[in-house]
Protein backbone atom coordinates (compact mmCIF):
# COMPACT_ATOMS: atom_id res chain seq x y z
CA MET A 1 -22.37 32.82 -0.41
CA THR A 2 -24.19 30.08 -2.03
CA SER A 3 -22.99 31.51 -5.46
CA ALA A 4 -19.67 31.20 -4.09
CA LYS A 5 -20.17 27.53 -3.54
CA ASN A 6 -21.75 26.90 -6.91
CA THR A 7 -18.71 28.64 -8.53
CA THR A 8 -16.26 26.40 -6.87
CA GLN A 9 -17.77 23.04 -7.91
CA PRO A 10 -17.74 23.46 -11.49
CA ASP A 11 -14.14 24.30 -11.46
CA ASP A 12 -13.45 21.25 -9.52
CA ASP A 13 -15.61 19.18 -11.77
CA GLY A 14 -13.91 20.75 -14.62
CA ASN A 15 -10.70 19.70 -13.31
CA ALA A 16 -11.81 15.96 -12.91
CA ASP A 17 -13.17 15.75 -16.49
CA THR A 18 -10.08 17.38 -18.18
CA GLY A 19 -7.35 15.16 -16.63
CA SER A 20 -7.79 11.55 -16.65
CA LYS A 21 -7.64 9.36 -13.57
CA LEU A 22 -5.70 5.82 -12.96
CA ARG A 23 -7.28 3.79 -10.14
CA ILE A 24 -4.50 0.86 -9.10
CA LYS A 25 -6.07 -1.93 -7.21
CA ILE A 26 -3.37 -4.33 -5.63
CA ARG A 27 -4.10 -7.76 -3.95
CA ALA A 28 -1.25 -10.06 -2.28
CA TYR A 29 -1.43 -12.73 0.25
CA ASP A 30 1.66 -11.35 2.04
CA ASN A 31 1.46 -7.64 3.72
CA LYS A 32 5.16 -7.07 3.27
CA ILE A 33 5.13 -7.95 -0.48
CA ILE A 34 2.27 -5.64 -0.97
CA ASP A 35 3.89 -2.48 0.51
CA ILE A 36 6.77 -3.15 -1.48
CA ALA A 37 4.64 -2.95 -4.47
CA THR A 38 2.84 0.01 -3.64
CA LYS A 39 6.15 1.86 -2.87
CA THR A 40 7.45 1.31 -6.25
CA ILE A 41 4.39 1.85 -7.92
CA ILE A 42 4.09 5.14 -5.89
CA ASP A 43 7.92 6.04 -6.70
CA THR A 44 7.69 5.52 -10.58
CA ALA A 45 4.22 7.86 -10.75
CA GLU A 46 5.88 10.81 -8.88
CA ARG A 47 9.02 10.59 -10.73
CA ASN A 48 7.00 10.77 -14.08
CA GLY A 49 5.60 14.13 -12.81
CA ALA A 50 1.92 12.52 -11.68
CA LYS A 51 -0.04 13.10 -8.42
CA VAL A 52 -0.69 10.34 -6.39
CA VAL A 53 -3.24 9.96 -4.02
CA GLY A 54 -3.17 6.84 -1.53
CA PRO A 55 -2.21 4.25 -0.76
CA VAL A 56 -5.48 3.28 0.74
CA PRO A 57 -5.38 0.22 2.70
CA LEU A 58 -8.91 -1.70 1.89
CA PRO A 59 -10.28 -4.40 4.27
CA THR A 60 -8.35 -7.56 4.54
CA GLU A 61 -10.78 -10.56 2.95
CA THR A 62 -10.10 -13.88 5.30
CA ALA A 63 -11.30 -17.11 4.12
CA LYS A 64 -10.97 -20.14 6.56
CA PHE A 65 -11.41 -23.52 5.63
CA SER A 66 -11.74 -26.71 7.91
CA VAL A 67 -10.26 -29.77 6.55
CA ASN A 68 -10.62 -33.37 8.23
CA ARG A 69 -7.36 -35.08 9.23
CA SER A 70 -8.67 -38.54 9.01
CA THR A 71 -10.69 -39.89 6.29
CA PHE A 72 -13.58 -41.60 7.64
CA VAL A 73 -14.53 -42.05 11.46
CA HIS A 74 -12.83 -39.31 13.28
CA LYS A 75 -14.73 -36.47 12.48
CA PRO A 76 -13.97 -34.16 15.29
CA ALA A 77 -9.90 -34.10 14.55
CA GLN A 78 -10.00 -31.09 12.09
CA GLU A 79 -7.40 -28.87 10.95
CA GLN A 80 -8.23 -25.16 10.54
CA PHE A 81 -6.71 -23.05 7.63
CA GLU A 82 -6.84 -19.08 7.16
CA MET A 83 -6.08 -17.17 4.10
CA ARG A 84 -5.79 -13.56 4.20
CA THR A 85 -6.04 -11.48 1.13
CA HIS A 86 -4.67 -7.83 1.73
CA LYS A 87 -5.67 -4.88 -0.62
CA ARG A 88 -4.62 -1.59 -1.50
CA LEU A 89 -5.89 1.36 -3.52
CA ILE A 90 -3.82 4.07 -5.51
CA ASP A 91 -5.38 6.97 -7.50
CA ILE A 92 -3.13 8.65 -9.90
CA LEU A 93 -4.50 12.20 -10.98
CA SER A 94 -3.69 13.35 -14.60
CA PRO A 95 -1.05 11.03 -15.49
CA SER A 96 1.00 11.67 -18.47
CA PRO A 97 1.53 9.06 -21.32
CA LYS A 98 5.11 8.41 -20.22
CA ALA A 99 3.99 7.76 -16.48
CA ILE A 100 1.18 5.38 -17.89
CA ASP A 101 3.89 3.46 -19.88
CA ALA A 102 6.16 3.17 -17.09
CA LEU A 103 3.52 2.12 -14.73
CA MET A 104 2.74 -0.79 -17.35
CA ASN A 105 6.28 -1.94 -17.50
CA LEU A 106 6.90 -2.45 -13.97
CA ASN A 107 8.70 -5.09 -12.41
CA LEU A 108 6.64 -6.18 -9.25
CA PRO A 109 7.44 -8.93 -6.73
CA ALA A 110 6.05 -12.34 -7.55
CA GLY A 111 2.64 -12.90 -5.84
CA VAL A 112 1.19 -9.60 -6.38
CA ASP A 113 -1.90 -9.15 -8.53
CA VAL A 114 -2.52 -5.50 -10.06
CA GLU A 115 -5.68 -4.11 -11.46
CA ILE A 116 -5.34 -0.68 -13.29
CA LYS A 117 -8.52 1.27 -14.52
CA MET A 118 -8.85 4.31 -16.53
CA LEU A 119 -11.47 6.62 -15.02
């Protein structure tokens, strides 16, 4: 049985080595905008014949700020603000050159940051 497991592992590694892989990280401050952007990316990749894994929601980063309301005397009077950064991860397995060009030329909503890496 161990030989059967060893024969399947090189096949999986061989397939991963022969085909390239795109990893797309998407960041935005608004969760509705990031969902629209992920949907357009997935639709574009599937339309061009690439296999898509994801979207995987990553943990939301929260940045909190406290600001004084007054300039000098009233220290206890503060306002708290919070900024949330939503993130998604999409893997595209064995994309064709046509799919890569289509992904590079996408029109995404304003406020969306996209990072594309070749693995």
